[in-house]
Protein backbone atom coordinates (compact mmCIF):
# COMPACT_ATOMS: atom_id res chain seq x y z
CA MET A 1 -12.74 7.68 26.86
CA VAL A 2 -12.89 4.37 25.08
CA ALA A 3 -9.73 3.53 22.95
CA THR A 4 -10.60 3.08 19.21
CA VAL A 5 -8.57 1.74 16.38
CA LYS A 6 -9.03 2.06 12.66
CA ILE A 7 -6.88 0.15 10.29
CA TRP A 8 -7.13 0.32 6.54
CA ARG A 9 -5.38 -0.24 3.27
CA PRO A 10 -6.16 2.26 0.42
CA ALA A 11 -7.06 0.40 -2.57
CA ARG A 12 -5.11 2.58 -5.16
CA GLN A 13 -2.11 2.71 -2.91
CA PRO A 14 -0.47 -0.61 -2.95
CA GLY A 15 2.14 -1.22 -0.33
CA VAL A 16 0.62 1.33 2.20
CA GLU A 17 -1.39 0.54 5.35
CA LEU A 18 -2.80 3.17 7.67
CA LEU A 19 -3.78 3.20 11.19
CA ARG A 20 -5.57 5.80 13.32
CA ALA A 21 -5.75 5.10 17.09
CA ASP A 22 -7.34 7.31 19.87
CA ASP A 23 -6.70 6.95 23.51
CA ILE A 24 -4.47 4.07 23.33
CA ARG A 25 -3.32 2.44 26.66
CA HIS A 26 -1.89 -0.89 25.27
CA VAL A 27 1.57 -1.77 26.29
CA PHE A 28 3.26 -3.18 22.99
CA PRO A 29 5.70 -6.11 23.72
CA LYS A 30 8.76 -6.43 21.77
CA HIS A 31 8.04 -6.69 18.20
CA PHE A 32 9.17 -5.58 14.68
CA HIS A 33 7.35 -4.62 11.59
CA ASP A 34 7.76 -5.99 7.97
CA ALA A 35 7.30 -2.55 6.59
CA TYR A 36 8.70 1.02 7.44
CA CYS A 37 6.65 2.34 10.33
CA ILE A 38 5.99 6.10 10.65
CA PRO A 39 4.09 7.25 13.87
CA VAL A 40 2.51 10.72 13.95
CA ILE A 41 1.61 11.54 17.37
CA GLU A 42 -1.65 13.79 17.88
CA ARG A 43 -2.36 13.79 21.52
CA GLY A 44 -0.62 12.76 24.59
CA ALA A 45 2.90 11.15 24.52
CA MET A 46 4.36 7.55 23.55
CA ILE A 47 7.52 6.22 25.05
CA SER A 48 9.43 3.71 22.83
CA LEU A 49 12.45 1.66 23.23
CA TYR A 50 14.32 1.53 19.75
CA ARG A 51 17.95 0.61 19.05
CA GLY A 52 18.75 0.78 22.69
CA ARG A 53 17.42 4.23 23.34
CA ARG A 54 14.48 5.45 25.17
CA ASN A 55 12.50 7.98 23.08
CA GLU A 56 9.59 10.14 24.13
CA LEU A 57 7.16 11.10 21.27
CA ALA A 58 5.02 13.93 22.39
CA ALA A 59 2.12 15.37 20.59
CA GLY A 60 3.18 17.06 17.50
CA THR A 61 6.25 14.70 16.73
CA VAL A 62 7.02 11.97 14.15
CA ASP A 63 9.44 9.18 13.93
CA ILE A 64 10.42 6.50 11.46
CA LEU A 65 11.37 2.89 12.28
CA ASP A 66 13.15 0.35 9.83
CA PRO A 67 11.62 -2.96 8.78
CA GLY A 68 12.96 -5.68 11.20
CA GLU A 69 14.18 -3.43 13.97
CA VAL A 70 12.75 -4.79 17.33
CA HIS A 71 11.21 -2.22 19.54
CA THR A 72 8.39 -1.66 22.14
CA SER A 73 6.15 1.16 23.09
CA TRP A 74 3.55 2.42 25.66
CA GLY A 75 1.84 5.50 26.78
CA ALA A 76 3.80 8.01 28.95
CA GLY A 77 2.95 7.85 32.57
CA GLY A 78 0.44 5.16 31.88
CA ASN A 79 -1.86 7.70 30.11
CA GLY A 80 -3.52 7.28 26.91
CA TYR A 81 -2.25 8.78 23.56
CA SER A 82 -3.51 9.24 20.11
CA TYR A 83 -1.66 8.80 16.88
CA ARG A 84 -1.78 8.08 13.14
CA CYS A 85 0.70 5.72 11.66
CA PHE A 86 1.93 4.75 8.16
CA TYR A 87 3.17 1.23 7.44
CA ILE A 88 4.93 1.33 4.19
CA ASP A 89 6.49 -1.27 1.98
CA ALA A 90 10.19 -0.89 0.93
CA VAL A 91 9.24 -0.51 -2.63
CA VAL A 92 7.07 2.63 -1.96
CA VAL A 93 9.80 4.09 0.28
CA GLN A 94 12.43 3.55 -2.37
CA ARG A 95 10.33 5.30 -4.91
CA ALA A 96 9.82 8.25 -2.69
CA ALA A 97 13.69 8.20 -2.05
CA ASN A 98 14.26 8.28 -5.75
CA GLU A 99 16.44 5.13 -5.48
CA PRO A 100 14.58 2.71 -7.92
CA GLY A 101 17.88 0.74 -8.73
CA GLU A 102 18.36 -0.24 -5.07
CA THR A 103 17.19 -3.27 -3.68
CA ARG A 104 17.56 -2.28 -0.05
CA LEU A 105 17.76 1.12 1.34
CA ALA A 106 20.51 2.24 3.69
CA LEU A 107 19.61 2.01 7.41
CA LEU A 108 17.60 5.04 8.44
CA TRP A 109 18.87 7.40 11.17
CA PRO A 110 16.56 10.19 11.90
CA ARG A 111 18.54 13.49 11.51
CA PHE A 112 15.76 15.76 12.20
CA ALA A 113 13.93 17.39 15.18
CA ARG A 114 11.05 14.83 15.82
CA ARG A 115 9.03 17.88 16.64
CA GLU A 116 9.41 19.63 13.33
CA ARG A 117 6.23 21.40 12.49
CA ALA A 118 6.36 21.32 8.71
CA LEU A 119 7.18 17.68 8.62
CA PHE A 120 4.58 16.81 11.13
CA ALA A 121 1.92 18.74 9.25
CA ALA A 122 2.71 17.24 5.84
CA LEU A 123 2.52 13.76 7.20
CA ARG A 124 -0.77 14.28 9.16
CA ARG A 125 -2.13 16.06 6.09
CA ALA A 126 -1.42 13.17 3.87
CA HIS A 127 -2.81 10.67 6.28
CA ILE A 128 -6.08 12.64 6.79
CA GLY A 129 -6.44 13.11 2.90
CA LEU A 130 -6.04 9.37 2.39
CA GLU A 131 -8.55 8.57 4.96
CA ALA A 132 -10.98 11.06 3.38
CA ALA A 133 -10.24 10.00 -0.42
CA ASP A 134 -8.10 7.31 -1.84
CA ASP A 135 -7.14 9.42 -4.90
CA LEU A 136 -4.22 11.12 -6.78
CA GLU A 137 -4.02 14.01 -4.27
CA GLY A 138 -3.62 11.68 -1.40
CA GLU A 139 -1.01 9.62 -3.18
CA THR A 140 0.87 12.98 -4.02
CA ARG A 141 0.80 14.28 -0.52
CA LEU A 142 2.07 10.98 0.83
CA THR A 143 4.91 10.86 -1.73
CA GLU A 144 6.06 14.43 -0.89
CA ALA A 145 5.74 13.88 2.66
CA LEU A 146 7.78 10.76 2.51
CA ALA A 147 10.31 12.41 0.30
CA ALA A 148 10.72 15.22 2.94
CA LEU A 149 11.18 12.77 5.73
CA LEU A 150 13.65 10.60 3.99
CA ALA A 151 15.72 13.55 3.01
CA ARG A 152 16.19 14.27 6.78
CA CYS A 153 17.07 10.69 7.91
CA LEU A 154 19.03 8.61 5.25
CA ALA A 155 22.06 7.45 6.94
CA PRO A 156 25.53 8.62 5.79
CA PRO A 157 27.17 6.13 3.37
CA GLN A 158 29.88 4.99 5.82
CA ALA A 159 27.08 3.81 8.39
CA GLY A 160 26.13 0.92 6.14
CA ALA A 161 23.38 -1.48 6.49
CA ARG A 162 23.23 -3.58 9.62
CA ALA A 163 22.50 -6.72 7.41
CA GLY A 164 26.09 -6.57 6.08
CA SER A 165 27.69 -6.56 9.71
CA GLU A 166 25.49 -9.51 10.98
CA PRO A 167 27.50 -12.60 11.69
CA ALA A 168 27.02 -15.03 8.77
CA ARG A 169 25.96 -17.94 11.09
CA ILE A 170 23.07 -15.62 12.63
CA ALA A 171 22.01 -14.44 9.09
CA ARG A 172 21.91 -18.09 8.08
CA VAL A 173 19.56 -18.99 10.91
CA ALA A 174 17.22 -15.98 10.40
CA GLN A 175 17.12 -17.05 6.57
CA TYR A 176 16.29 -20.55 7.48
CA LEU A 177 13.46 -19.49 9.70
CA ALA A 178 12.05 -17.03 7.05
CA ALA A 179 12.03 -19.89 4.43
CA ARG A 180 10.20 -22.39 6.90
CA VAL A 181 7.60 -20.11 8.45
CA ASP A 182 4.96 -22.71 8.64
CA GLU A 183 7.12 -25.49 9.73
CA PRO A 184 8.08 -26.66 13.27
CA VAL A 185 11.66 -26.13 13.84
CA THR A 186 13.81 -27.10 16.77
CA LEU A 187 16.57 -25.13 18.53
CA ARG A 188 18.77 -28.22 18.07
CA ALA A 189 18.36 -27.92 14.25
CA LEU A 190 19.07 -24.24 14.21
CA ALA A 191 22.15 -24.78 16.53
CA ALA A 192 23.52 -27.53 14.06
CA LEU A 193 22.84 -25.26 11.06
CA ALA A 194 24.79 -22.44 12.64
CA GLY A 195 27.42 -24.72 14.19
CA LEU A 196 26.90 -23.30 17.54
CA ASN A 197 25.95 -24.42 21.04
CA PRO A 198 22.19 -24.01 21.51
CA VAL A 199 22.51 -21.69 24.47
CA TYR A 200 25.18 -19.44 22.72
CA LEU A 201 23.00 -19.44 19.48
CA VAL A 202 20.16 -17.93 21.55
CA ARG A 203 22.30 -15.46 23.25
CA ALA A 204 24.04 -14.46 19.87
CA PHE A 205 20.74 -14.31 18.01
CA ARG A 206 19.15 -11.97 20.71
CA ARG A 207 22.31 -9.84 20.71
CA HIS A 208 22.30 -9.32 16.99
CA LEU A 209 18.58 -9.19 16.04
CA GLY A 210 17.02 -8.05 19.36
CA LEU A 211 14.79 -11.27 19.85
CA PRO A 212 15.54 -14.79 20.53
CA PRO A 213 14.76 -17.41 17.60
CA HIS A 214 11.43 -18.29 18.59
CA ALA A 215 10.17 -14.71 18.95
CA TRP A 216 11.66 -13.86 15.70
CA GLN A 217 9.91 -16.91 14.20
CA ARG A 218 6.51 -15.59 15.71
CA GLN A 219 7.02 -12.30 14.18
CA LEU A 220 7.61 -13.79 10.75
CA ARG A 221 4.55 -15.72 11.23
CA LEU A 222 2.49 -12.68 12.03
CA ALA A 223 3.78 -10.99 9.00
CA ARG A 224 2.57 -13.88 6.84
CA ALA A 225 -0.73 -13.89 8.63
CA ARG A 226 -1.20 -10.18 8.00
CA ALA A 227 -0.44 -10.66 4.28
CA LEU A 228 -2.72 -13.49 3.90
CA LEU A 229 -5.51 -11.66 5.84
CA ARG A 230 -5.19 -8.84 3.48
CA GLN A 231 -6.04 -11.24 0.67
CA ARG A 232 -9.33 -12.09 2.45
CA ARG A 233 -8.21 -15.71 3.14
CA PRO A 234 -10.21 -17.56 5.68
CA ILE A 235 -8.79 -17.16 9.18
CA ALA A 236 -8.62 -20.92 9.84
CA GLU A 237 -6.62 -21.34 6.60
CA VAL A 238 -4.32 -18.38 7.60
CA ALA A 239 -3.53 -19.98 10.82
CA ALA A 240 -2.66 -23.25 9.16
CA VAL A 241 -0.32 -21.94 6.41
CA SER A 242 1.32 -19.26 8.89
CA GLY A 243 2.54 -21.92 11.36
CA PHE A 244 -0.10 -21.46 14.09
CA ALA A 245 -1.51 -24.49 15.86
CA ASP A 246 -5.21 -23.23 15.20
CA GLN A 247 -7.38 -20.35 14.61
CA SER A 248 -7.67 -19.72 18.41
CA HIS A 249 -3.69 -19.81 18.70
CA LEU A 250 -3.50 -17.14 15.83
CA THR A 251 -6.20 -15.03 17.40
CA ARG A 252 -4.53 -14.99 20.75
CA VAL A 253 -0.94 -14.18 19.49
CA PHE A 254 -2.37 -11.76 16.98
CA ARG A 255 -4.33 -9.69 19.44
CA ASP A 256 -1.44 -9.57 21.93
CA ALA A 257 0.84 -8.32 19.20
CA MET A 258 -1.57 -6.11 17.23
CA GLY A 259 -4.33 -5.09 19.67
CA VAL A 260 -6.87 -6.21 17.29
CA THR A 261 -8.12 -9.77 16.26
CA PRO A 262 -7.45 -11.20 12.85
CA ALA A 263 -11.14 -10.76 11.85
CA GLN A 264 -10.85 -7.05 12.68
CA TYR A 265 -7.65 -6.68 10.80
CA ALA A 266 -9.15 -8.42 7.78
CA ARG A 267 -12.05 -6.17 7.74
CA GLY A 268 -9.68 -3.23 7.72
CA ARG A 269 -11.81 -1.11 10.01
CA GLY A 270 -11.43 -0.11 13.59
CA ALA A 271 -12.58 -1.85 16.75
CA HIS A 272 -13.28 -0.80 20.27
CA GLY A 273 -10.72 -2.13 22.48
CA SER A 274 -7.49 -1.55 24.49
CA GLY A 275 -4.88 -1.47 21.79
CA ALA A 276 -3.64 -1.04 18.22
CA ARG A 277 -1.08 -2.07 15.95
CA GLY A 278 2.36 -1.24 17.50
CA SER A 279 4.29 1.66 16.42
């Protein structure tokens, strides 16, 4: 069986991206998403490392991952697996959680059995519905399924958001990188900004955010590239304004991280290959 991937963005559902992948055998390296990631496993099993825990997501299970949380995933036993996935912007999730006044949702801690039949069915039905028709019914099903999921996993108030507990120096470096996605940045400059020894900065950054500064920067650049590709900007231009050396550099990094090329992603349709956007 040949792996297939389809990625698309319903025109009437801003802030929502959908993926359907069959027989995936790609090992996704450490990465994070700029949106909430909700995988729905249809066949086989996926192993993920998330927040220091090893999770096995078998067929019939669902999960939810916060934006900015570093993780990795692969097929259990090296076998292929099939899944559907939602990538949903924070504003859409906030709407479903009925928290329009909040600028940031609390950190999500799944408090549901990942193999919860009704929740799996609702999310899968919403995904299939939006694949078949981008209409009010699809939006309604998605909103209802999201609300049901969020009701089961919003963190208790005392847990707090991780952003509030990050050391100020590391947060300052992360903000600096986000403001200069397309610029060359040296470790020496980051260390001076943080007032830390460069070696200590790398260790502290990795400890608190899950990736070293350069890998965090690469994820920020990929996030910008995805946003620009969704606007149908030329790939060479996307590479230049996202901080990549050239189009071939962007293509290589993009395919490693996403399992599809920038051109395939921009077209918003599947491609035969060995991977998909990481879950």
